[in-house]
Amino acid sequence: MLTIRLSKFFLGGFLAGVVLLAAVNLYSYSQMENLGIADFYYEFGWPFPVYQAGSILHLDQIHWCGVIANAAAAFGVGLVLGAVSHFACARRRVPS
């Protein structure tokens, strides 16, 4: 069975993956209202939309499935980057 010891390389890669997706979502939020279009929907969130607003009736809604999916995606990307960094540094026999 494949086991990954919680080394500092794994934790660093995991945190890098989570911070990367959080930064992309924060950038998406900062660009949300810069469109200048009042009659269309605009939303933010990547890879899944998290919040949607706009239209003449001023619809505001949070997509909770998108929040959960983005959290799961950040966790998955963190696991993959953590495993890659752990195995890359373990291959070079760098003690952690």
PDB file of N, CA and C in Angstrom:
ATOM      1  N   MET A   1       0.838  -1.178   0.000  1.00  0.00           N
ATOM      2  CA  MET A   1       0.000   0.000   0.000  1.00  0.00           C
ATOM      3  C   MET A   1       0.884   1.242   0.000  1.00  0.00           C
ATOM      4  N   LEU A   2       0.446   2.236  -0.706  1.00  0.00           N
ATOM      5  CA  LEU A   2       1.195   3.477  -0.830  1.00  0.00           C
ATOM      6  C   LEU A   2       0.945   4.334   0.407  1.00  0.00           C
ATOM      7  N   THR A   3       1.990   4.634   1.133  1.00  0.00           N
ATOM      8  CA  THR A   3       1.871   5.515   2.294  1.00  0.00           C
ATOM      9  C   THR A   3       2.820   6.683   2.113  1.00  0.00           C
ATOM     10  N   ILE A   4       2.358   7.822   2.539  1.00  0.00           N
ATOM     11  CA  ILE A   4       3.166   9.031   2.460  1.00  0.00           C
ATOM     12  C   ILE A   4       3.376   9.530   3.883  1.00  0.00           C
ATOM     13  N   ARG A   5       4.620   9.618   4.260  1.00  0.00           N
ATOM     14  CA  ARG A   5       4.942  10.151   5.568  1.00  0.00           C
ATOM     15  C   ARG A   5       4.778  11.659   5.517  1.00  0.00           C
ATOM     16  N   LEU A   6       4.264  12.244   6.573  1.00  0.00           N
ATOM     17  CA  LEU A   6       4.040  13.686   6.589  1.00  0.00           C
ATOM     18  C   LEU A   6       5.375  14.402   6.797  1.00  0.00           C
ATOM     19  N   SER A   7       6.106  14.541   5.728  1.00  0.00           N
ATOM     20  CA  SER A   7       7.376  15.248   5.785  1.00  0.00           C
ATOM     21  C   SER A   7       7.139  16.731   5.535  1.00  0.00           C
ATOM     22  N   LYS A   8       8.171  17.512   5.754  1.00  0.00           N
ATOM     23  CA  LYS A   8       8.029  18.945   5.499  1.00  0.00           C
ATOM     24  C   LYS A   8       7.871  19.227   4.005  1.00  0.00           C
ATOM     25  N   PHE A   9       8.376  18.337   3.161  1.00  0.00           N
ATOM     26  CA  PHE A   9       8.194  18.513   1.719  1.00  0.00           C
ATOM     27  C   PHE A   9       6.737  18.284   1.319  1.00  0.00           C
ATOM     28  N   PHE A  10       6.120  17.250   1.910  1.00  0.00           N
ATOM     29  CA  PHE A  10       4.714  16.995   1.617  1.00  0.00           C
ATOM     30  C   PHE A  10       3.842  18.145   2.120  1.00  0.00           C
ATOM     31  N   LEU A  11       4.074  18.601   3.338  1.00  0.00           N
ATOM     32  CA  LEU A  11       3.276  19.701   3.885  1.00  0.00           C
ATOM     33  C   LEU A  11       3.475  20.987   3.088  1.00  0.00           C
ATOM     34  N   GLY A  12       4.708  21.228   2.646  1.00  0.00           N
ATOM     35  CA  GLY A  12       4.962  22.412   1.819  1.00  0.00           C
ATOM     36  C   GLY A  12       4.237  22.346   0.485  1.00  0.00           C
ATOM     37  N   GLY A  13       4.260  21.194  -0.159  1.00  0.00           N
ATOM     38  CA  GLY A  13       3.536  21.025  -1.424  1.00  0.00           C
ATOM     39  C   GLY A  13       2.043  21.103  -1.236  1.00  0.00           C
ATOM     40  N   PHE A  14       1.547  20.515  -0.141  1.00  0.00           N
ATOM     41  CA  PHE A  14       0.112  20.561   0.144  1.00  0.00           C
ATOM     42  C   PHE A  14      -0.348  21.996   0.352  1.00  0.00           C
ATOM     43  N   LEU A  15       0.379  22.750   1.170  1.00  0.00           N
ATOM     44  CA  LEU A  15       0.014  24.150   1.406  1.00  0.00           C
ATOM     45  C   LEU A  15       0.149  24.988   0.141  1.00  0.00           C
ATOM     46  N   ALA A  16       1.137  24.682  -0.695  1.00  0.00           N
ATOM     47  CA  ALA A  16       1.283  25.413  -1.957  1.00  0.00           C
ATOM     48  C   ALA A  16       0.084  25.183  -2.868  1.00  0.00           C
ATOM     49  N   GLY A  17      -0.421  23.961  -2.924  1.00  0.00           N
ATOM     50  CA  GLY A  17      -1.600  23.671  -3.748  1.00  0.00           C
ATOM     51  C   GLY A  17      -2.847  24.366  -3.246  1.00  0.00           C
ATOM     52  N   VAL A  18      -3.043  24.364  -1.936  1.00  0.00           N
ATOM     53  CA  VAL A  18      -4.221  25.013  -1.366  1.00  0.00           C
ATOM     54  C   VAL A  18      -4.142  26.529  -1.548  1.00  0.00           C
ATOM     55  N   VAL A  19      -2.974  27.103  -1.301  1.00  0.00           N
ATOM     56  CA  VAL A  19      -2.797  28.550  -1.456  1.00  0.00           C
ATOM     57  C   VAL A  19      -2.929  28.958  -2.920  1.00  0.00           C
ATOM     58  N   LEU A  20      -2.464  28.117  -3.828  1.00  0.00           N
ATOM     59  CA  LEU A  20      -2.579  28.422  -5.257  1.00  0.00           C
ATOM     60  C   LEU A  20      -4.039  28.554  -5.679  1.00  0.00           C
ATOM     61  N   LEU A  21      -4.870  27.590  -5.315  1.00  0.00           N
ATOM     62  CA  LEU A  21      -6.283  27.678  -5.698  1.00  0.00           C
ATOM     63  C   LEU A  21      -7.010  28.789  -4.947  1.00  0.00           C
ATOM     64  N   ALA A  22      -6.629  29.063  -3.708  1.00  0.00           N
ATOM     65  CA  ALA A  22      -7.226  30.187  -2.977  1.00  0.00           C
ATOM     66  C   ALA A  22      -6.865  31.512  -3.645  1.00  0.00           C
ATOM     67  N   ALA A  23      -5.631  31.648  -4.116  1.00  0.00           N
ATOM     68  CA  ALA A  23      -5.216  32.876  -4.793  1.00  0.00           C
ATOM     69  C   ALA A  23      -5.939  33.057  -6.126  1.00  0.00           C
ATOM     70  N   VAL A  24      -6.150  31.975  -6.844  1.00  0.00           N
ATOM     71  CA  VAL A  24      -6.883  32.063  -8.116  1.00  0.00           C
ATOM     72  C   VAL A  24      -8.328  32.488  -7.861  1.00  0.00           C
ATOM     73  N   ASN A  25      -8.956  31.950  -6.819  1.00  0.00           N
ATOM     74  CA  ASN A  25     -10.328  32.353  -6.493  1.00  0.00           C
ATOM     75  C   ASN A  25     -10.386  33.791  -5.998  1.00  0.00           C
ATOM     76  N   LEU A  26      -9.391  34.245  -5.262  1.00  0.00           N
ATOM     77  CA  LEU A  26      -9.347  35.630  -4.815  1.00  0.00           C
ATOM     78  C   LEU A  26      -9.176  36.578  -5.999  1.00  0.00           C
ATOM     79  N   TYR A  27      -8.343  36.196  -6.952  1.00  0.00           N
ATOM     80  CA  TYR A  27      -8.192  37.006  -8.164  1.00  0.00           C
ATOM     81  C   TYR A  27      -9.496  37.035  -8.961  1.00  0.00           C
ATOM     82  N   SER A  28     -10.177  35.901  -9.032  1.00  0.00           N
ATOM     83  CA  SER A  28     -11.460  35.851  -9.728  1.00  0.00           C
ATOM     84  C   SER A  28     -12.477  36.769  -9.046  1.00  0.00           C
ATOM     85  N   TYR A  29     -12.432  36.821  -7.725  1.00  0.00           N
ATOM     86  CA  TYR A  29     -13.335  37.717  -6.992  1.00  0.00           C
ATOM     87  C   TYR A  29     -13.000  39.179  -7.265  1.00  0.00           C
ATOM     88  N   SER A  30     -11.718  39.508  -7.324  1.00  0.00           N
ATOM     89  CA  SER A  30     -11.335  40.901  -7.548  1.00  0.00           C
ATOM     90  C   SER A  30     -11.708  41.370  -8.950  1.00  0.00           C
ATOM     91  N   GLN A  31     -11.822  40.454  -9.896  1.00  0.00           N
ATOM     92  CA  GLN A  31     -12.179  40.807 -11.261  1.00  0.00           C
ATOM     93  C   GLN A  31     -13.675  40.700 -11.537  1.00  0.00           C
ATOM     94  N   MET A  32     -14.471  40.356 -10.536  1.00  0.00           N
ATOM     95  CA  MET A  32     -15.884  40.055 -10.742  1.00  0.00           C
ATOM     96  C   MET A  32     -16.675  41.263 -11.234  1.00  0.00           C
ATOM     97  N   GLU A  33     -16.518  42.417 -10.634  1.00  0.00           N
ATOM     98  CA  GLU A  33     -17.360  43.560 -10.982  1.00  0.00           C
ATOM     99  C   GLU A  33     -16.683  44.536 -11.930  1.00  0.00           C
ATOM    100  N   ASN A  34     -15.563  44.197 -12.482  1.00  0.00           N
ATOM    101  CA  ASN A  34     -14.870  45.086 -13.411  1.00  0.00           C
ATOM    102  C   ASN A  34     -15.416  44.993 -14.828  1.00  0.00           C
ATOM    103  N   LEU A  35     -16.477  44.233 -15.017  1.00  0.00           N
ATOM    104  CA  LEU A  35     -17.017  44.071 -16.365  1.00  0.00           C
ATOM    105  C   LEU A  35     -17.758  45.312 -16.838  1.00  0.00           C
ATOM    106  N   GLY A  36     -18.412  46.045 -15.936  1.00  0.00           N
ATOM    107  CA  GLY A  36     -19.129  47.250 -16.311  1.00  0.00           C
ATOM    108  C   GLY A  36     -20.438  46.986 -17.017  1.00  0.00           C
ATOM    109  N   ILE A  37     -20.973  45.806 -16.908  1.00  0.00           N
ATOM    110  CA  ILE A  37     -22.226  45.449 -17.557  1.00  0.00           C
ATOM    111  C   ILE A  37     -23.271  45.260 -16.461  1.00  0.00           C
ATOM    112  N   ALA A  38     -24.341  46.023 -16.487  1.00  0.00           N
ATOM    113  CA  ALA A  38     -25.311  45.992 -15.399  1.00  0.00           C
ATOM    114  C   ALA A  38     -26.420  44.964 -15.610  1.00  0.00           C
ATOM    115  N   ASP A  39     -26.685  44.566 -16.839  1.00  0.00           N
ATOM    116  CA  ASP A  39     -27.837  43.710 -17.107  1.00  0.00           C
ATOM    117  C   ASP A  39     -27.485  42.234 -17.273  1.00  0.00           C
ATOM    118  N   PHE A  40     -26.285  41.843 -16.998  1.00  0.00           N
ATOM    119  CA  PHE A  40     -25.884  40.455 -17.155  1.00  0.00           C
ATOM    120  C   PHE A  40     -25.432  39.880 -15.824  1.00  0.00           C
ATOM    121  N   TYR A  41     -25.432  38.567 -15.769  1.00  0.00           N
ATOM    122  CA  TYR A  41     -24.918  37.887 -14.582  1.00  0.00           C
ATOM    123  C   TYR A  41     -23.401  37.926 -14.573  1.00  0.00           C
ATOM    124  N   TYR A  42     -22.846  38.079 -13.422  1.00  0.00           N
ATOM    125  CA  TYR A  42     -21.415  37.893 -13.270  1.00  0.00           C
ATOM    126  C   TYR A  42     -21.191  37.012 -12.056  1.00  0.00           C
ATOM    127  N   GLU A  43     -20.147  36.229 -12.124  1.00  0.00           N
ATOM    128  CA  GLU A  43     -19.879  35.262 -11.073  1.00  0.00           C
ATOM    129  C   GLU A  43     -18.379  35.137 -10.869  1.00  0.00           C
ATOM    130  N   PHE A  44     -18.002  34.571  -9.749  1.00  0.00           N
ATOM    131  CA  PHE A  44     -16.595  34.298  -9.525  1.00  0.00           C
ATOM    132  C   PHE A  44     -16.454  32.899  -8.965  1.00  0.00           C
ATOM    133  N   GLY A  45     -15.229  32.408  -9.031  1.00  0.00           N
ATOM    134  CA  GLY A  45     -14.901  31.079  -8.554  1.00  0.00           C
ATOM    135  C   GLY A  45     -14.265  30.278  -9.663  1.00  0.00           C
ATOM    136  N   TRP A  46     -13.190  29.598  -9.302  1.00  0.00           N
ATOM    137  CA  TRP A  46     -12.539  28.728 -10.263  1.00  0.00           C
ATOM    138  C   TRP A  46     -12.053  27.502  -9.529  1.00  0.00           C
ATOM    139  N   PRO A  47     -12.257  26.319  -9.973  1.00  0.00           N
ATOM    140  CA  PRO A  47     -12.794  25.836 -11.233  1.00  0.00           C
ATOM    141  C   PRO A  47     -14.319  25.790 -11.272  1.00  0.00           C
ATOM    142  N   PHE A  48     -14.979  26.001 -10.138  1.00  0.00           N
ATOM    143  CA  PHE A  48     -16.438  25.988 -10.096  1.00  0.00           C
ATOM    144  C   PHE A  48     -16.930  27.338  -9.582  1.00  0.00           C
ATOM    145  N   PRO A  49     -18.049  27.838 -10.134  1.00  0.00           N
ATOM    146  CA  PRO A  49     -18.555  29.130  -9.664  1.00  0.00           C
ATOM    147  C   PRO A  49     -19.035  29.045  -8.219  1.00  0.00           C
ATOM    148  N   VAL A  50     -18.703  30.070  -7.440  1.00  0.00           N
ATOM    149  CA  VAL A  50     -19.036  30.110  -6.024  1.00  0.00           C
ATOM    150  C   VAL A  50     -20.150  31.114  -5.739  1.00  0.00           C
ATOM    151  N   TYR A  51     -20.143  32.237  -6.448  1.00  0.00           N
ATOM    152  CA  TYR A  51     -21.097  33.318  -6.187  1.00  0.00           C
ATOM    153  C   TYR A  51     -21.560  33.886  -7.511  1.00  0.00           C
ATOM    154  N   GLN A  52     -22.844  34.242  -7.563  1.00  0.00           N
ATOM    155  CA  GLN A  52     -23.407  34.797  -8.785  1.00  0.00           C
ATOM    156  C   GLN A  52     -24.239  36.008  -8.404  1.00  0.00           C
ATOM    157  N   ALA A  53     -24.097  37.067  -9.166  1.00  0.00           N
ATOM    158  CA  ALA A  53     -24.849  38.289  -8.911  1.00  0.00           C
ATOM    159  C   ALA A  53     -25.155  38.952 -10.247  1.00  0.00           C
ATOM    160  N   GLY A  54     -26.037  39.956 -10.193  1.00  0.00           N
ATOM    161  CA  GLY A  54     -26.313  40.739 -11.387  1.00  0.00           C
ATOM    162  C   GLY A  54     -27.768  40.736 -11.771  1.00  0.00           C
ATOM    163  N   SER A  55     -28.060  41.110 -12.950  1.00  0.00           N
ATOM    164  CA  SER A  55     -29.346  41.244 -13.618  1.00  0.00           C
ATOM    165  C   SER A  55     -30.101  42.463 -13.119  1.00  0.00           C
ATOM    166  N   ILE A  56     -31.208  42.735 -13.749  1.00  0.00           N
ATOM    167  CA  ILE A  56     -32.025  43.894 -13.405  1.00  0.00           C
ATOM    168  C   ILE A  56     -32.637  43.725 -12.013  1.00  0.00           C
ATOM    169  N   LEU A  57     -32.971  42.505 -11.652  1.00  0.00           N
ATOM    170  CA  LEU A  57     -33.568  42.250 -10.337  1.00  0.00           C
ATOM    171  C   LEU A  57     -32.519  42.103  -9.238  1.00  0.00           C
ATOM    172  N   HIS A  58     -31.265  42.238  -9.576  1.00  0.00           N
ATOM    173  CA  HIS A  58     -30.140  42.145  -8.649  1.00  0.00           C
ATOM    174  C   HIS A  58     -30.146  40.840  -7.868  1.00  0.00           C
ATOM    175  N   LEU A  59     -29.971  39.778  -8.612  1.00  0.00           N
ATOM    176  CA  LEU A  59     -29.883  38.443  -8.042  1.00  0.00           C
ATOM    177  C   LEU A  59     -28.534  38.253  -7.358  1.00  0.00           C
ATOM    178  N   ASP A  60     -28.562  37.815  -6.116  1.00  0.00           N
ATOM    179  CA  ASP A  60     -27.347  37.448  -5.384  1.00  0.00           C
ATOM    180  C   ASP A  60     -27.544  36.054  -4.835  1.00  0.00           C
ATOM    181  N   GLN A  61     -26.648  35.153  -5.173  1.00  0.00           N
ATOM    182  CA  GLN A  61     -26.763  33.809  -4.619  1.00  0.00           C
ATOM    183  C   GLN A  61     -25.390  33.160  -4.492  1.00  0.00           C
ATOM    184  N   ILE A  62     -25.255  32.354  -3.472  1.00  0.00           N
ATOM    185  CA  ILE A  62     -24.037  31.589  -3.229  1.00  0.00           C
ATOM    186  C   ILE A  62     -24.301  30.167  -3.694  1.00  0.00           C
ATOM    187  N   HIS A  63     -23.383  29.624  -4.470  1.00  0.00           N
ATOM    188  CA  HIS A  63     -23.491  28.240  -4.932  1.00  0.00           C
ATOM    189  C   HIS A  63     -22.737  27.359  -3.937  1.00  0.00           C
ATOM    190  N   TRP A  64     -23.456  26.748  -3.005  1.00  0.00           N
ATOM    191  CA  TRP A  64     -22.814  25.953  -1.968  1.00  0.00           C
ATOM    192  C   TRP A  64     -22.156  24.707  -2.533  1.00  0.00           C
ATOM    193  N   CYS A  65     -22.717  24.171  -3.596  1.00  0.00           N
ATOM    194  CA  CYS A  65     -22.057  23.026  -4.242  1.00  0.00           C
ATOM    195  C   CYS A  65     -20.714  23.448  -4.828  1.00  0.00           C
ATOM    196  N   GLY A  66     -20.625  24.655  -5.341  1.00  0.00           N
ATOM    197  CA  GLY A  66     -19.362  25.176  -5.846  1.00  0.00           C
ATOM    198  C   GLY A  66     -18.347  25.409  -4.743  1.00  0.00           C
ATOM    199  N   VAL A  67     -18.817  25.859  -3.580  1.00  0.00           N
ATOM    200  CA  VAL A  67     -17.919  26.054  -2.440  1.00  0.00           C
ATOM    201  C   VAL A  67     -17.321  24.715  -2.009  1.00  0.00           C
ATOM    202  N   ILE A  68     -18.174  23.702  -1.901  1.00  0.00           N
ATOM    203  CA  ILE A  68     -17.713  22.376  -1.498  1.00  0.00           C
ATOM    204  C   ILE A  68     -16.800  21.773  -2.565  1.00  0.00           C
ATOM    205  N   ALA A  69     -17.164  21.945  -3.824  1.00  0.00           N
ATOM    206  CA  ALA A  69     -16.350  21.404  -4.915  1.00  0.00           C
ATOM    207  C   ALA A  69     -14.995  22.100  -4.995  1.00  0.00           C
ATOM    208  N   ASN A  70     -14.949  23.417  -4.780  1.00  0.00           N
ATOM    209  CA  ASN A  70     -13.673  24.127  -4.786  1.00  0.00           C
ATOM    210  C   ASN A  70     -12.802  23.715  -3.611  1.00  0.00           C
ATOM    211  N   ALA A  71     -13.408  23.489  -2.451  1.00  0.00           N
ATOM    212  CA  ALA A  71     -12.637  23.018  -1.296  1.00  0.00           C
ATOM    213  C   ALA A  71     -12.074  21.625  -1.567  1.00  0.00           C
ATOM    214  N   ALA A  72     -12.876  20.763  -2.172  1.00  0.00           N
ATOM    215  CA  ALA A  72     -12.400  19.421  -2.515  1.00  0.00           C
ATOM    216  C   ALA A  72     -11.304  19.482  -3.576  1.00  0.00           C
ATOM    217  N   ALA A  73     -11.445  20.376  -4.540  1.00  0.00           N
ATOM    218  CA  ALA A  73     -10.418  20.528  -5.570  1.00  0.00           C
ATOM    219  C   ALA A  73      -9.119  21.050  -4.964  1.00  0.00           C
ATOM    220  N   ALA A  74      -9.207  21.999  -4.050  1.00  0.00           N
ATOM    221  CA  ALA A  74      -8.006  22.514  -3.389  1.00  0.00           C
ATOM    222  C   ALA A  74      -7.329  21.414  -2.572  1.00  0.00           C
ATOM    223  N   PHE A  75      -8.123  20.599  -1.897  1.00  0.00           N
ATOM    224  CA  PHE A  75      -7.570  19.488  -1.132  1.00  0.00           C
ATOM    225  C   PHE A  75      -6.890  18.483  -2.050  1.00  0.00           C
ATOM    226  N   GLY A  76      -7.528  18.173  -3.177  1.00  0.00           N
ATOM    227  CA  GLY A  76      -6.953  17.233  -4.140  1.00  0.00           C
ATOM    228  C   GLY A  76      -5.678  17.752  -4.774  1.00  0.00           C
ATOM    229  N   VAL A  77      -5.679  19.014  -5.180  1.00  0.00           N
ATOM    230  CA  VAL A  77      -4.475  19.609  -5.776  1.00  0.00           C
ATOM    231  C   VAL A  77      -3.366  19.659  -4.734  1.00  0.00           C
ATOM    232  N   GLY A  78      -3.720  19.959  -3.487  1.00  0.00           N
ATOM    233  CA  GLY A  78      -2.726  19.966  -2.421  1.00  0.00           C
ATOM    234  C   GLY A  78      -2.123  18.589  -2.199  1.00  0.00           C
ATOM    235  N   LEU A  79      -2.968  17.552  -2.228  1.00  0.00           N
ATOM    236  CA  LEU A  79      -2.449  16.195  -2.079  1.00  0.00           C
ATOM    237  C   LEU A  79      -1.505  15.820  -3.213  1.00  0.00           C
ATOM    238  N   VAL A  80      -1.879  16.163  -4.435  1.00  0.00           N
ATOM    239  CA  VAL A  80      -1.039  15.820  -5.587  1.00  0.00           C
ATOM    240  C   VAL A  80       0.292  16.572  -5.526  1.00  0.00           C
ATOM    241  N   LEU A  81       0.255  17.874  -5.266  1.00  0.00           N
ATOM    242  CA  LEU A  81       1.501  18.637  -5.189  1.00  0.00           C
ATOM    243  C   LEU A  81       2.353  18.196  -4.002  1.00  0.00           C
ATOM    244  N   GLY A  82       1.692  17.853  -2.898  1.00  0.00           N
ATOM    245  CA  GLY A  82       2.433  17.349  -1.750  1.00  0.00           C
ATOM    246  C   GLY A  82       3.114  16.027  -2.049  1.00  0.00           C
ATOM    247  N   ALA A  83       2.403  15.127  -2.719  1.00  0.00           N
ATOM    248  CA  ALA A  83       2.993  13.830  -3.066  1.00  0.00           C
ATOM    249  C   ALA A  83       4.129  13.998  -4.068  1.00  0.00           C
ATOM    250  N   VAL A  84       3.959  14.873  -5.046  1.00  0.00           N
ATOM    251  CA  VAL A  84       5.015  15.099  -6.038  1.00  0.00           C
ATOM    252  C   VAL A  84       6.255  15.671  -5.369  1.00  0.00           C
ATOM    253  N   SER A  85       6.078  16.652  -4.502  1.00  0.00           N
ATOM    254  CA  SER A  85       7.251  17.238  -3.846  1.00  0.00           C
ATOM    255  C   SER A  85       7.900  16.243  -2.889  1.00  0.00           C
ATOM    256  N   HIS A  86       7.095  15.431  -2.211  1.00  0.00           N
ATOM    257  CA  HIS A  86       7.659  14.433  -1.300  1.00  0.00           C
ATOM    258  C   HIS A  86       8.479  13.401  -2.062  1.00  0.00           C
ATOM    259  N   PHE A  87       7.923  12.870  -3.153  1.00  0.00           N
ATOM    260  CA  PHE A  87       8.639  11.851  -3.908  1.00  0.00           C
ATOM    261  C   PHE A  87       9.833  12.420  -4.659  1.00  0.00           C
ATOM    262  N   ALA A  88       9.730  13.660  -5.122  1.00  0.00           N
ATOM    263  CA  ALA A  88      10.871  14.279  -5.820  1.00  0.00           C
ATOM    264  C   ALA A  88      12.031  14.491  -4.861  1.00  0.00           C
ATOM    265  N   CYS A  89      11.740  14.908  -3.655  1.00  0.00           N
ATOM    266  CA  CYS A  89      12.824  15.132  -2.686  1.00  0.00           C
ATOM    267  C   CYS A  89      13.301  13.826  -2.082  1.00  0.00           C
ATOM    268  N   ALA A  90      12.439  12.827  -1.959  1.00  0.00           N
ATOM    269  CA  ALA A  90      12.859  11.541  -1.450  1.00  0.00           C
ATOM    270  C   ALA A  90      13.724  10.813  -2.471  1.00  0.00           C
ATOM    271  N   ARG A  91      13.493  11.064  -3.737  1.00  0.00           N
ATOM    272  CA  ARG A  91      14.287  10.426  -4.789  1.00  0.00           C
ATOM    273  C   ARG A  91      15.721  10.939  -4.743  1.00  0.00           C
ATOM    274  N   ARG A  92      15.911  12.202  -4.390  1.00  0.00           N
ATOM    275  CA  ARG A  92      17.244  12.770  -4.284  1.00  0.00           C
ATOM    276  C   ARG A  92      17.878  12.480  -2.922  1.00  0.00           C
ATOM    277  N   ARG A  93      17.160  11.759  -2.076  1.00  0.00           N
ATOM    278  CA  ARG A  93      17.613  11.359  -0.753  1.00  0.00           C
ATOM    279  C   ARG A  93      17.985  12.538   0.121  1.00  0.00           C
ATOM    280  N   VAL A  94      17.111  13.549   0.083  1.00  0.00           N
ATOM    281  CA  VAL A  94      17.278  14.703   0.951  1.00  0.00           C
ATOM    282  C   VAL A  94      16.532  14.397   2.239  1.00  0.00           C
ATOM    283  N   PRO A  95      17.192  14.384   3.388  1.00  0.00           N
ATOM    284  CA  PRO A  95      16.473  14.100   4.631  1.00  0.00           C
ATOM    285  C   PRO A  95      15.526  15.216   4.990  1.00  0.00           C
ATOM    286  N   SER A  96      14.362  14.841   5.502  1.00  0.00           N
ATOM    287  CA  SER A  96      13.384  15.867   5.859  1.00  0.00           C
ATOM    288  C   SER A  96      13.242  16.002   7.341  1.00  0.00           C
TER     289      SER A  96
END
